[in-house]
Amino acid sequence: MTKKNKKTVTCIDCEEKTDNFYPVPNNRGTLYKCKECYELSLTRSCRNEYSYRDIHYIANAIKN
């Protein structure tokens, strides 16, 4: 059996080379983030969505 060569890319956030990455679609093409940076950005975006939703929920409750 022959081993497949793993593709190595440079992460756009931490600028380290890695073979454990996620492709991130962009309007200019595909960018790559390493696993740690991708999961950290996903966690941060979810946290921001929850806090943003809570702000609107509280503001709408005050109006009524």
PDB file of N, CA and C in Angstrom:
ATOM      1  N   MET A   1       0.835  -1.184   0.000  1.00  0.00           N
ATOM      2  CA  MET A   1       0.000   0.000   0.000  1.00  0.00           C
ATOM      3  C   MET A   1       0.875   1.242   0.000  1.00  0.00           C
ATOM      4  N   THR A   2       0.433   2.214  -0.721  1.00  0.00           N
ATOM      5  CA  THR A   2       1.165   3.464  -0.737  1.00  0.00           C
ATOM      6  C   THR A   2       0.422   4.493   0.113  1.00  0.00           C
ATOM      7  N   LYS A   3       1.177   5.307   0.790  1.00  0.00           N
ATOM      8  CA  LYS A   3       0.578   6.352   1.605  1.00  0.00           C
ATOM      9  C   LYS A   3       0.280   7.561   0.737  1.00  0.00           C
ATOM     10  N   LYS A   4      -0.854   8.193   1.009  1.00  0.00           N
ATOM     11  CA  LYS A   4      -1.187   9.420   0.309  1.00  0.00           C
ATOM     12  C   LYS A   4      -0.474  10.578   0.990  1.00  0.00           C
ATOM     13  N   ASN A   5       0.008  11.482   0.195  1.00  0.00           N
ATOM     14  CA  ASN A   5       0.623  12.675   0.758  1.00  0.00           C
ATOM     15  C   ASN A   5      -0.463  13.598   1.284  1.00  0.00           C
ATOM     16  N   LYS A   6      -0.314  14.020   2.541  1.00  0.00           N
ATOM     17  CA  LYS A   6      -1.283  14.939   3.113  1.00  0.00           C
ATOM     18  C   LYS A   6      -0.982  16.348   2.634  1.00  0.00           C
ATOM     19  N   LYS A   7      -2.045  17.067   2.336  1.00  0.00           N
ATOM     20  CA  LYS A   7      -1.896  18.445   1.895  1.00  0.00           C
ATOM     21  C   LYS A   7      -1.558  19.310   3.109  1.00  0.00           C
ATOM     22  N   THR A   8      -0.565  20.143   2.984  1.00  0.00           N
ATOM     23  CA  THR A   8      -0.178  21.046   4.050  1.00  0.00           C
ATOM     24  C   THR A   8      -0.506  22.469   3.616  1.00  0.00           C
ATOM     25  N   VAL A   9      -1.215  23.189   4.478  1.00  0.00           N
ATOM     26  CA  VAL A   9      -1.614  24.559   4.175  1.00  0.00           C
ATOM     27  C   VAL A   9      -1.188  25.480   5.318  1.00  0.00           C
ATOM     28  N   THR A  10      -1.235  26.771   5.059  1.00  0.00           N
ATOM     29  CA  THR A  10      -0.924  27.763   6.084  1.00  0.00           C
ATOM     30  C   THR A  10      -2.229  28.361   6.588  1.00  0.00           C
ATOM     31  N   CYS A  11      -2.404  28.368   7.890  1.00  0.00           N
ATOM     32  CA  CYS A  11      -3.593  28.918   8.528  1.00  0.00           C
ATOM     33  C   CYS A  11      -3.598  30.436   8.342  1.00  0.00           C
ATOM     34  N   ILE A  12      -4.770  31.005   8.036  1.00  0.00           N
ATOM     35  CA  ILE A  12      -4.848  32.449   7.817  1.00  0.00           C
ATOM     36  C   ILE A  12      -4.821  33.233   9.126  1.00  0.00           C
ATOM     37  N   ASP A  13      -5.147  32.589  10.247  1.00  0.00           N
ATOM     38  CA  ASP A  13      -5.158  33.287  11.535  1.00  0.00           C
ATOM     39  C   ASP A  13      -3.809  33.238  12.236  1.00  0.00           C
ATOM     40  N   CYS A  14      -3.289  32.038  12.457  1.00  0.00           N
ATOM     41  CA  CYS A  14      -2.044  31.905  13.218  1.00  0.00           C
ATOM     42  C   CYS A  14      -0.818  31.776  12.326  1.00  0.00           C
ATOM     43  N   GLU A  15      -1.013  31.639  11.031  1.00  0.00           N
ATOM     44  CA  GLU A  15       0.051  31.572  10.026  1.00  0.00           C
ATOM     45  C   GLU A  15       1.037  30.424  10.255  1.00  0.00           C
ATOM     46  N   GLU A  16       0.535  29.312  10.816  1.00  0.00           N
ATOM     47  CA  GLU A  16       1.346  28.107  10.978  1.00  0.00           C
ATOM     48  C   GLU A  16       0.941  27.085   9.926  1.00  0.00           C
ATOM     49  N   LYS A  17       1.900  26.280   9.496  1.00  0.00           N
ATOM     50  CA  LYS A  17       1.597  25.231   8.529  1.00  0.00           C
ATOM     51  C   LYS A  17       1.003  24.029   9.256  1.00  0.00           C
ATOM     52  N   THR A  18      -0.046  23.456   8.657  1.00  0.00           N
ATOM     53  CA  THR A  18      -0.726  22.326   9.282  1.00  0.00           C
ATOM     54  C   THR A  18      -1.338  21.427   8.218  1.00  0.00           C
ATOM     55  N   ASP A  19      -1.544  20.164   8.596  1.00  0.00           N
ATOM     56  CA  ASP A  19      -2.256  19.250   7.707  1.00  0.00           C
ATOM     57  C   ASP A  19      -3.634  18.909   8.277  1.00  0.00           C
ATOM     58  N   ASN A  20      -3.980  19.514   9.422  1.00  0.00           N
ATOM     59  CA  ASN A  20      -5.282  19.340  10.051  1.00  0.00           C
ATOM     60  C   ASN A  20      -6.003  20.683   9.955  1.00  0.00           C
ATOM     61  N   PHE A  21      -6.834  20.860   8.915  1.00  0.00           N
ATOM     62  CA  PHE A  21      -7.396  22.171   8.630  1.00  0.00           C
ATOM     63  C   PHE A  21      -8.829  22.078   8.144  1.00  0.00           C
ATOM     64  N   TYR A  22      -9.496  23.224   8.115  1.00  0.00           N
ATOM     65  CA  TYR A  22     -10.844  23.360   7.569  1.00  0.00           C
ATOM     66  C   TYR A  22     -10.808  24.371   6.435  1.00  0.00           C
ATOM     67  N   PRO A  23     -11.440  24.080   5.307  1.00  0.00           N
ATOM     68  CA  PRO A  23     -11.550  25.089   4.253  1.00  0.00           C
ATOM     69  C   PRO A  23     -12.663  26.080   4.604  1.00  0.00           C
ATOM     70  N   VAL A  24     -12.382  27.352   4.423  1.00  0.00           N
ATOM     71  CA  VAL A  24     -13.345  28.406   4.711  1.00  0.00           C
ATOM     72  C   VAL A  24     -13.655  29.121   3.398  1.00  0.00           C
ATOM     73  N   PRO A  25     -14.884  28.975   2.868  1.00  0.00           N
ATOM     74  CA  PRO A  25     -15.206  29.629   1.600  1.00  0.00           C
ATOM     75  C   PRO A  25     -15.234  31.148   1.760  1.00  0.00           C
ATOM     76  N   ASN A  26     -14.790  31.806   0.707  1.00  0.00           N
ATOM     77  CA  ASN A  26     -14.710  33.253   0.697  1.00  0.00           C
ATOM     78  C   ASN A  26     -15.104  33.712  -0.697  1.00  0.00           C
ATOM     79  N   ASN A  27     -15.453  34.983  -0.868  1.00  0.00           N
ATOM     80  CA  ASN A  27     -15.827  35.439  -2.194  1.00  0.00           C
ATOM     81  C   ASN A  27     -14.632  35.506  -3.143  1.00  0.00           C
ATOM     82  N   ARG A  28     -13.426  35.403  -2.634  1.00  0.00           N
ATOM     83  CA  ARG A  28     -12.231  35.398  -3.470  1.00  0.00           C
ATOM     84  C   ARG A  28     -11.640  34.003  -3.647  1.00  0.00           C
ATOM     85  N   GLY A  29     -12.255  33.008  -3.066  1.00  0.00           N
ATOM     86  CA  GLY A  29     -11.734  31.650  -3.175  1.00  0.00           C
ATOM     87  C   GLY A  29     -11.878  30.927  -1.856  1.00  0.00           C
ATOM     88  N   THR A  30     -11.024  29.972  -1.617  1.00  0.00           N
ATOM     89  CA  THR A  30     -11.067  29.190  -0.391  1.00  0.00           C
ATOM     90  C   THR A  30      -9.856  29.506   0.464  1.00  0.00           C
ATOM     91  N   LEU A  31     -10.109  29.842   1.714  1.00  0.00           N
ATOM     92  CA  LEU A  31      -9.049  30.073   2.687  1.00  0.00           C
ATOM     93  C   LEU A  31      -9.028  28.880   3.631  1.00  0.00           C
ATOM     94  N   TYR A  32      -7.951  28.718   4.361  1.00  0.00           N
ATOM     95  CA  TYR A  32      -7.811  27.574   5.255  1.00  0.00           C
ATOM     96  C   TYR A  32      -7.484  28.029   6.663  1.00  0.00           C
ATOM     97  N   LYS A  33      -8.147  27.386   7.639  1.00  0.00           N
ATOM     98  CA  LYS A  33      -7.869  27.621   9.051  1.00  0.00           C
ATOM     99  C   LYS A  33      -7.510  26.293   9.692  1.00  0.00           C
ATOM    100  N   CYS A  34      -6.556  26.329  10.610  1.00  0.00           N
ATOM    101  CA  CYS A  34      -6.212  25.100  11.334  1.00  0.00           C
ATOM    102  C   CYS A  34      -7.371  24.737  12.264  1.00  0.00           C
ATOM    103  N   LYS A  35      -7.368  23.542  12.754  1.00  0.00           N
ATOM    104  CA  LYS A  35      -8.470  23.043  13.568  1.00  0.00           C
ATOM    105  C   LYS A  35      -8.701  23.915  14.796  1.00  0.00           C
ATOM    106  N   GLU A  36      -7.643  24.304  15.487  1.00  0.00           N
ATOM    107  CA  GLU A  36      -7.772  25.084  16.713  1.00  0.00           C
ATOM    108  C   GLU A  36      -8.368  26.465  16.434  1.00  0.00           C
ATOM    109  N   CYS A  37      -7.877  27.145  15.409  1.00  0.00           N
ATOM    110  CA  CYS A  37      -8.387  28.482  15.074  1.00  0.00           C
ATOM    111  C   CYS A  37      -9.828  28.415  14.588  1.00  0.00           C
ATOM    112  N   TYR A  38     -10.161  27.404  13.799  1.00  0.00           N
ATOM    113  CA  TYR A  38     -11.523  27.267  13.278  1.00  0.00           C
ATOM    114  C   TYR A  38     -12.517  27.042  14.411  1.00  0.00           C
ATOM    115  N   GLU A  39     -12.190  26.137  15.331  1.00  0.00           N
ATOM    116  CA  GLU A  39     -13.094  25.842  16.438  1.00  0.00           C
ATOM    117  C   GLU A  39     -13.212  27.027  17.381  1.00  0.00           C
ATOM    118  N   LEU A  40     -12.129  27.765  17.588  1.00  0.00           N
ATOM    119  CA  LEU A  40     -12.172  28.949  18.433  1.00  0.00           C
ATOM    120  C   LEU A  40     -13.044  30.034  17.810  1.00  0.00           C
ATOM    121  N   SER A  41     -12.926  30.252  16.516  1.00  0.00           N
ATOM    122  CA  SER A  41     -13.758  31.270  15.855  1.00  0.00           C
ATOM    123  C   SER A  41     -15.224  30.845  15.832  1.00  0.00           C
ATOM    124  N   LEU A  42     -15.483  29.555  15.680  1.00  0.00           N
ATOM    125  CA  LEU A  42     -16.857  29.057  15.708  1.00  0.00           C
ATOM    126  C   LEU A  42     -17.476  29.264  17.089  1.00  0.00           C
ATOM    127  N   THR A  43     -16.714  28.992  18.129  1.00  0.00           N
ATOM    128  CA  THR A  43     -17.190  29.201  19.497  1.00  0.00           C
ATOM    129  C   THR A  43     -17.488  30.666  19.748  1.00  0.00           C
ATOM    130  N   ARG A  44     -16.600  31.538  19.296  1.00  0.00           N
ATOM    131  CA  ARG A  44     -16.804  32.975  19.502  1.00  0.00           C
ATOM    132  C   ARG A  44     -18.016  33.485  18.746  1.00  0.00           C
ATOM    133  N   SER A  45     -18.234  33.015  17.522  1.00  0.00           N
ATOM    134  CA  SER A  45     -19.376  33.498  16.741  1.00  0.00           C
ATOM    135  C   SER A  45     -20.690  33.021  17.364  1.00  0.00           C
ATOM    136  N   CYS A  46     -20.723  31.807  17.875  1.00  0.00           N
ATOM    137  CA  CYS A  46     -21.939  31.306  18.530  1.00  0.00           C
ATOM    138  C   CYS A  46     -22.220  32.090  19.801  1.00  0.00           C
ATOM    139  N   ARG A  47     -21.177  32.396  20.549  1.00  0.00           N
ATOM    140  CA  ARG A  47     -21.338  33.164  21.778  1.00  0.00           C
ATOM    141  C   ARG A  47     -21.891  34.553  21.457  1.00  0.00           C
ATOM    142  N   ASN A  48     -21.400  35.181  20.394  1.00  0.00           N
ATOM    143  CA  ASN A  48     -21.887  36.500  20.010  1.00  0.00           C
ATOM    144  C   ASN A  48     -23.336  36.448  19.559  1.00  0.00           C
ATOM    145  N   GLU A  49     -23.732  35.405  18.849  1.00  0.00           N
ATOM    146  CA  GLU A  49     -25.120  35.285  18.405  1.00  0.00           C
ATOM    147  C   GLU A  49     -26.066  35.137  19.582  1.00  0.00           C
ATOM    148  N   TYR A  50     -25.671  34.360  20.600  1.00  0.00           N
ATOM    149  CA  TYR A  50     -26.527  34.191  21.769  1.00  0.00           C
ATOM    150  C   TYR A  50     -26.676  35.499  22.525  1.00  0.00           C
ATOM    151  N   SER A  51     -25.587  36.220  22.744  1.00  0.00           N
ATOM    152  CA  SER A  51     -25.677  37.475  23.495  1.00  0.00           C
ATOM    153  C   SER A  51     -26.467  38.509  22.701  1.00  0.00           C
ATOM    154  N   TYR A  52     -26.324  38.541  21.379  1.00  0.00           N
ATOM    155  CA  TYR A  52     -27.074  39.471  20.551  1.00  0.00           C
ATOM    156  C   TYR A  52     -28.568  39.156  20.616  1.00  0.00           C
ATOM    157  N   ARG A  53     -28.906  37.873  20.576  1.00  0.00           N
ATOM    158  CA  ARG A  53     -30.308  37.468  20.641  1.00  0.00           C
ATOM    159  C   ARG A  53     -30.895  37.829  22.002  1.00  0.00           C
ATOM    160  N   ASP A  54     -30.136  37.658  23.072  1.00  0.00           N
ATOM    161  CA  ASP A  54     -30.621  37.992  24.409  1.00  0.00           C
ATOM    162  C   ASP A  54     -30.892  39.478  24.542  1.00  0.00           C
ATOM    163  N   ILE A  55     -30.056  40.309  23.936  1.00  0.00           N
ATOM    164  CA  ILE A  55     -30.261  41.755  24.006  1.00  0.00           C
ATOM    165  C   ILE A  55     -31.591  42.128  23.356  1.00  0.00           C
ATOM    166  N   HIS A  56     -31.894  41.567  22.187  1.00  0.00           N
ATOM    167  CA  HIS A  56     -33.141  41.881  21.505  1.00  0.00           C
ATOM    168  C   HIS A  56     -34.343  41.301  22.244  1.00  0.00           C
ATOM    169  N   TYR A  57     -34.171  40.148  22.869  1.00  0.00           N
ATOM    170  CA  TYR A  57     -35.265  39.551  23.631  1.00  0.00           C
ATOM    171  C   TYR A  57     -35.629  40.440  24.813  1.00  0.00           C
ATOM    172  N   ILE A  58     -34.626  40.938  25.509  1.00  0.00           N
ATOM    173  CA  ILE A  58     -34.859  41.798  26.676  1.00  0.00           C
ATOM    174  C   ILE A  58     -35.459  43.134  26.227  1.00  0.00           C
ATOM    175  N   ALA A  59     -34.948  43.702  25.112  1.00  0.00           N
ATOM    176  CA  ALA A  59     -35.467  44.986  24.631  1.00  0.00           C
ATOM    177  C   ALA A  59     -36.922  44.844  24.220  1.00  0.00           C
ATOM    178  N   ASN A  60     -37.291  43.758  23.577  1.00  0.00           N
ATOM    179  CA  ASN A  60     -38.686  43.547  23.162  1.00  0.00           C
ATOM    180  C   ASN A  60     -39.577  43.308  24.361  1.00  0.00           C
ATOM    181  N   ALA A  61     -39.074  42.670  25.406  1.00  0.00           N
ATOM    182  CA  ALA A  61     -39.861  42.417  26.603  1.00  0.00           C
ATOM    183  C   ALA A  61     -40.128  43.726  27.343  1.00  0.00           C
ATOM    184  N   ILE A  62     -39.181  44.655  27.315  1.00  0.00           N
ATOM    185  CA  ILE A  62     -39.361  45.931  27.998  1.00  0.00           C
ATOM    186  C   ILE A  62     -40.421  46.769  27.284  1.00  0.00           C
ATOM    187  N   LYS A  63     -40.453  46.695  25.942  1.00  0.00           N
ATOM    188  CA  LYS A  63     -41.424  47.471  25.179  1.00  0.00           C
ATOM    189  C   LYS A  63     -42.853  47.051  25.497  1.00  0.00           C
ATOM    190  N   ASN A  64     -43.075  45.771  25.730  1.00  0.00           N
ATOM    191  CA  ASN A  64     -44.433  45.262  25.953  1.00  0.00           C
ATOM    192  C   ASN A  64     -44.797  45.420  27.360  1.00  0.00           C
TER     193      ASN A  64
END
